[in-house]
């Protein structure tokens, strides 16, 4: 089978750190074009807009959308209406209704719409899910704290309305929690902290529960220096489960079960 001709829209840090190396190592894909207001990818055709790219390169089979979430819906509709399969970086849209509309459009055209939650592919996640399915859970704590200056240097879009702020990394934690817990959880209270003159939060404290009144709490903070914290801790009657390093390491009752290199994007 011929490789899938893929293009990227939005050439930023995550594309250079993750998407480009992952595509380059996978023979099933061939990167043939990119569109971005500010970045370019060496060795392929580059354009300033998705419309310009799609018009100039009809051989594109699929489009990977890696721009900020505020702009993803319009680009996804453009790609789907052009008959292209679409990959949506997390989160798949700014609102649920946007994503539902894109799903309906993709279904009507017989196209793939891949709403990716990359953190769910961390090596310890499935084992954590299996453990929690068989254990009585008493309490869950999420600690997701990192340094925004390291991960998002000079990226003003994250502080704009709809840019998510600390929920840009926090949504990775939520994508794992909603996957590994046996029952859906819903928010009961939340406190968000906003920097002065910014429209998105830098920290958040959130409480959740489920139909069985399970206490779940999450602490998101973008002001942590030094070691970064990406941990989900569950107290269960079968022992303490710690899913650490964003899902790369899993310990159960003090025993290390998983400790593997991060391979989420590949």
Protein backbone atom coordinates (compact mmCIF):
# COMPACT_ATOMS: atom_id res chain seq x y z
CA UNK A 1 0.00 0.00 0.00
CA UNK A 2 1.25 3.46 -0.85
CA UNK A 3 2.01 5.76 2.06
CA UNK A 4 -0.65 8.27 3.12
CA UNK A 5 0.23 11.74 1.87
CA UNK A 6 -0.17 13.88 4.96
CA UNK A 7 0.11 17.61 5.57
CA UNK A 8 0.43 19.68 8.73
CA UNK A 9 -1.30 22.93 9.58
CA UNK A 10 0.28 24.99 12.36
CA UNK A 11 4.05 24.54 12.57
CA UNK A 12 4.91 25.23 16.19
CA UNK A 13 6.82 23.66 19.07
CA UNK A 14 4.71 20.50 19.40
CA UNK A 15 5.01 19.84 15.67
CA UNK A 16 8.79 20.12 15.76
CA UNK A 17 9.13 18.16 19.00
CA UNK A 18 6.66 15.37 18.25
CA UNK A 19 4.78 15.33 14.95
CA UNK A 20 7.68 15.67 12.53
CA UNK A 21 9.89 12.98 14.16
CA UNK A 22 6.94 10.62 14.51
CA UNK A 23 5.90 10.97 10.86
CA UNK A 24 9.51 10.64 9.67
CA UNK A 25 9.85 7.29 11.46
CA UNK A 26 6.59 5.85 10.09
CA UNK A 27 6.73 4.45 6.56
CA UNK A 28 2.92 4.53 6.36
CA UNK A 29 3.02 8.32 6.02
CA UNK A 30 4.71 10.80 3.72
CA UNK A 31 4.72 14.47 4.70
CA UNK A 32 4.23 16.48 1.52
CA UNK A 33 3.07 19.95 2.59
CA UNK A 34 2.62 22.33 5.51
CA UNK A 35 0.67 25.51 6.18
CA UNK A 36 1.52 27.97 8.93
CA UNK A 37 1.48 31.70 9.51
CA UNK A 38 4.87 31.67 11.19
CA UNK A 39 6.73 28.38 10.65
CA UNK A 40 7.98 26.26 7.76
CA UNK A 41 9.12 22.66 7.36
CA UNK A 42 12.28 22.14 5.34
CA UNK A 43 12.15 19.97 2.23
CA UNK A 44 8.43 20.26 1.42
CA UNK A 45 6.02 22.84 0.01
CA UNK A 46 4.98 25.47 2.57
CA UNK A 47 1.97 27.77 2.50
CA UNK A 48 0.47 30.52 4.64
CA UNK A 49 -3.06 29.05 4.84
CA UNK A 50 -4.81 25.71 4.64
CA UNK A 51 -6.92 26.96 1.72
CA UNK A 52 -3.82 27.85 -0.28
CA UNK A 53 -2.21 24.51 0.55
CA UNK A 54 -5.22 22.37 -0.42
CA UNK A 55 -5.67 24.23 -3.69
CA UNK A 56 -2.01 23.84 -4.64
CA UNK A 57 -1.42 20.22 -3.53
CA UNK A 58 -4.38 18.00 -4.53
CA UNK A 59 -2.38 14.84 -3.72
CA UNK A 60 -2.89 15.43 0.03
CA UNK A 61 -4.83 12.54 1.60
CA UNK A 62 -4.93 13.71 5.21
CA UNK A 63 -4.44 16.88 7.21
CA UNK A 64 -3.00 17.09 10.73
CA UNK A 65 -4.31 20.20 12.51
CA UNK A 66 -1.91 21.50 15.14
CA UNK A 67 -2.93 25.12 15.47
CA UNK A 68 -4.47 26.60 18.66
CA UNK A 69 -7.96 25.24 19.47
CA UNK A 70 -9.70 28.56 18.79
CA UNK A 71 -8.98 28.15 15.06
CA UNK A 72 -9.29 24.40 14.64
CA UNK A 73 -12.97 24.13 13.72
CA UNK A 74 -12.81 26.28 10.59
CA UNK A 75 -9.68 24.52 9.36
CA UNK A 76 -11.19 21.09 10.00
CA UNK A 77 -14.34 21.96 8.04
CA UNK A 78 -12.19 23.24 5.18
CA UNK A 79 -10.21 20.00 5.06
CA UNK A 80 -13.27 17.73 5.35
CA UNK A 81 -15.14 19.65 2.67
CA UNK A 82 -12.10 19.14 0.44
CA UNK A 83 -12.39 15.38 0.98
CA UNK A 84 -9.39 15.01 3.30
CA UNK A 85 -9.10 12.84 6.39
CA UNK A 86 -8.39 14.94 9.50
CA UNK A 87 -6.30 14.54 12.63
CA UNK A 88 -7.17 16.96 15.46
CA UNK A 89 -4.56 17.74 18.09
CA UNK A 90 -5.91 17.88 21.62
CA UNK A 91 -8.33 19.31 22.45
CA UNK A 92 -10.29 18.55 19.27
CA UNK A 93 -12.15 21.86 19.43
CA UNK A 94 -13.04 24.88 21.49
CA UNK A 95 -16.53 23.49 22.25
CA UNK A 96 -18.28 20.13 22.20
CA UNK A 97 -20.80 21.33 19.62
CA UNK A 98 -17.98 22.17 17.20
CA UNK A 99 -16.64 18.64 17.44
CA UNK A 100 -20.11 17.11 17.07
CA UNK A 101 -20.62 19.09 13.89
CA UNK A 102 -17.25 17.96 12.52
CA UNK A 103 -18.08 14.35 13.36
CA UNK A 104 -21.38 14.63 11.48
CA UNK A 105 -19.63 16.15 8.45
CA UNK A 106 -16.90 13.48 8.44
CA UNK A 107 -19.50 10.70 8.70
CA UNK A 108 -21.50 12.16 5.81
CA UNK A 109 -18.38 12.25 3.62
CA UNK A 110 -17.03 8.84 4.65
CA UNK A 111 -13.89 10.44 6.08
CA UNK A 112 -11.80 9.75 9.17
CA UNK A 113 -11.85 12.32 11.97
CA UNK A 114 -9.22 11.36 14.55
CA UNK A 115 -9.67 13.36 17.76
CA UNK A 116 -6.40 12.48 19.43
CA UNK A 117 -5.76 12.37 23.17
CA UNK A 118 -2.04 11.57 23.03
CA UNK A 119 -1.60 11.07 26.78
CA UNK A 120 -3.89 8.05 26.68
CA UNK A 121 -1.17 6.29 24.68
CA UNK A 122 1.40 6.53 27.49
CA UNK A 123 2.72 3.05 28.32
CA UNK A 124 1.25 2.74 31.82
CA UNK A 125 -2.27 3.92 31.05
CA UNK A 126 -3.92 0.65 29.97
CA UNK A 127 -2.44 -1.25 32.92
CA UNK A 128 -3.71 1.46 35.27
CA UNK A 129 -7.18 1.16 33.73
CA UNK A 130 -7.16 -2.62 34.18
CA UNK A 131 -6.07 -2.34 37.80
CA UNK A 132 -8.73 0.24 38.71
CA UNK A 133 -11.42 -1.87 37.03
CA UNK A 134 -10.72 -4.67 39.51
CA UNK A 135 -10.13 -2.63 42.69
CA UNK A 136 -12.42 -0.66 44.99
CA UNK A 137 -11.27 2.96 44.68
CA UNK A 138 -11.43 5.19 47.75
CA UNK A 139 -9.86 8.43 46.51
CA UNK A 140 -8.14 9.87 43.44
CA UNK A 141 -5.75 12.84 43.34
CA UNK A 142 -4.32 14.43 40.19
CA UNK A 143 -1.19 16.58 40.47
CA UNK A 144 -0.28 18.20 37.14
CA UNK A 145 2.23 21.01 37.64
CA UNK A 146 4.82 22.32 35.20
CA UNK A 147 6.71 25.41 34.10
CA UNK A 148 4.90 27.30 31.35
CA UNK A 149 8.06 29.21 30.50
CA UNK A 150 9.76 25.98 29.50
CA UNK A 151 6.92 24.31 27.57
CA UNK A 152 5.30 27.36 25.98
CA UNK A 153 7.96 30.04 25.56
CA UNK A 154 6.60 33.29 24.08
CA UNK A 155 3.29 31.69 23.06
CA UNK A 156 0.67 34.37 23.63
CA UNK A 157 -2.19 32.32 22.17
CA UNK A 158 -2.39 30.16 25.31
CA UNK A 159 -3.37 33.21 27.39
CA UNK A 160 -6.09 34.39 25.00
CA UNK A 161 -9.75 33.51 25.45
CA UNK A 162 -10.18 29.90 24.32
CA UNK A 163 -6.44 29.24 24.54
CA UNK A 164 -6.97 26.98 27.58
CA UNK A 165 -4.16 28.34 29.76
CA UNK A 166 -3.14 25.72 32.33
CA UNK A 167 -5.77 23.39 30.88
CA UNK A 168 -3.52 22.91 27.85
CA UNK A 169 -1.46 20.45 29.93
CA UNK A 170 -4.30 19.81 32.38
CA UNK A 171 -6.46 18.36 29.64
CA UNK A 172 -3.82 15.64 29.24
CA UNK A 173 -4.47 14.62 32.84
CA UNK A 174 -8.22 14.72 32.31
CA UNK A 175 -7.92 12.61 29.16
CA UNK A 176 -6.18 9.90 31.21
CA UNK A 177 -8.49 10.15 34.24
CA UNK A 178 -11.63 9.84 32.12
CA UNK A 179 -10.11 6.80 30.41
CA UNK A 180 -8.86 4.84 33.42
CA UNK A 181 -11.70 5.38 35.91
CA UNK A 182 -14.52 2.82 35.73
CA UNK A 183 -17.27 5.46 35.85
CA UNK A 184 -17.70 8.94 34.34
CA UNK A 185 -16.82 11.83 36.66
CA UNK A 186 -18.31 15.31 36.79
CA UNK A 187 -17.16 18.58 38.33
CA UNK A 188 -18.61 19.66 41.68
CA UNK A 189 -16.45 22.77 42.28
CA UNK A 190 -13.48 24.61 40.84
CA UNK A 191 -11.24 27.58 41.59
CA UNK A 192 -9.27 29.16 38.74
CA UNK A 193 -6.42 31.65 39.08
CA UNK A 194 -5.85 34.17 36.28
CA UNK A 195 -2.73 36.29 35.77
CA UNK A 196 -3.35 40.01 35.46
CA UNK A 197 -4.48 41.08 31.97
CA UNK A 198 -4.86 37.48 30.79
CA UNK A 199 -7.98 35.63 29.63
CA UNK A 200 -6.90 32.08 30.52
CA UNK A 201 -5.95 30.57 33.91
CA UNK A 202 -2.46 29.81 35.17
CA UNK A 203 -3.69 27.46 37.92
CA UNK A 204 -6.81 25.52 38.84
CA UNK A 205 -8.11 23.44 41.74
CA UNK A 206 -10.99 21.15 40.76
CA UNK A 207 -13.15 18.64 42.61
CA UNK A 208 -15.03 15.85 40.86
CA UNK A 209 -17.18 12.90 41.81
CA UNK A 210 -18.99 10.04 40.10
CA UNK A 211 -22.34 8.30 40.57
CA UNK A 212 -20.86 6.42 43.56
CA UNK A 213 -19.61 9.63 45.24
CA UNK A 214 -15.95 8.86 44.60
CA UNK A 215 -13.83 11.88 45.65
CA UNK A 216 -11.52 13.03 42.84
CA UNK A 217 -9.41 16.18 43.04
CA UNK A 218 -7.07 17.84 40.55
CA UNK A 219 -4.40 20.48 41.04
CA UNK A 220 -3.13 22.15 37.88
CA UNK A 221 -0.39 24.78 38.09
CA UNK A 222 1.87 26.37 35.48
CA UNK A 223 4.24 27.99 37.96
CA UNK A 224 6.24 24.96 39.05
CA UNK A 225 10.00 25.12 38.54
CA UNK A 226 12.46 22.26 38.84
CA UNK A 227 10.97 18.78 38.62
CA UNK A 228 7.68 18.71 36.74
CA UNK A 229 4.75 16.80 38.25
CA UNK A 230 2.42 14.72 36.08
CA UNK A 231 0.94 12.24 38.57
CA UNK A 232 -2.38 10.47 39.18
CA UNK A 233 -2.64 8.80 42.59
CA UNK A 234 -5.47 6.42 43.51
CA UNK A 235 -5.99 5.01 46.98
CA UNK A 236 -7.65 1.61 46.63
CA UNK A 237 -8.36 -1.36 48.84
CA UNK A 238 -5.85 -3.31 46.73
CA UNK A 239 -3.06 -0.81 47.42
CA UNK A 240 -1.87 2.62 46.32
CA UNK A 241 -1.67 3.17 42.56
CA UNK A 242 0.65 5.89 41.28
CA UNK A 243 0.63 6.70 37.58
CA UNK A 244 3.58 9.09 37.24
CA UNK A 245 5.54 11.00 34.60
CA UNK A 246 2.41 11.59 32.54
CA UNK A 247 1.60 7.90 32.38
CA UNK A 248 5.07 6.55 31.62
CA UNK A 249 5.58 5.01 35.08
CA UNK A 250 3.06 2.91 36.98
CA UNK A 251 3.50 1.69 40.56
CA UNK A 252 1.02 -0.44 42.46
CA UNK A 253 1.40 -0.89 46.19
CA UNK A 254 5.03 0.27 45.96
CA UNK A 255 5.97 -2.08 43.10
CA UNK A 256 7.04 -0.55 39.79
CA UNK A 257 4.92 -2.16 37.08
CA UNK A 258 5.71 0.06 34.07
CA UNK A 259 8.72 2.28 33.38
CA UNK A 260 9.08 2.81 29.65
CA UNK A 261 10.17 5.64 27.36
CA UNK A 262 7.48 8.09 26.22
CA UNK A 263 6.14 6.98 22.82
CA UNK A 264 2.71 8.64 22.77
CA UNK A 265 2.90 10.43 19.43
CA UNK A 266 4.36 7.54 17.40
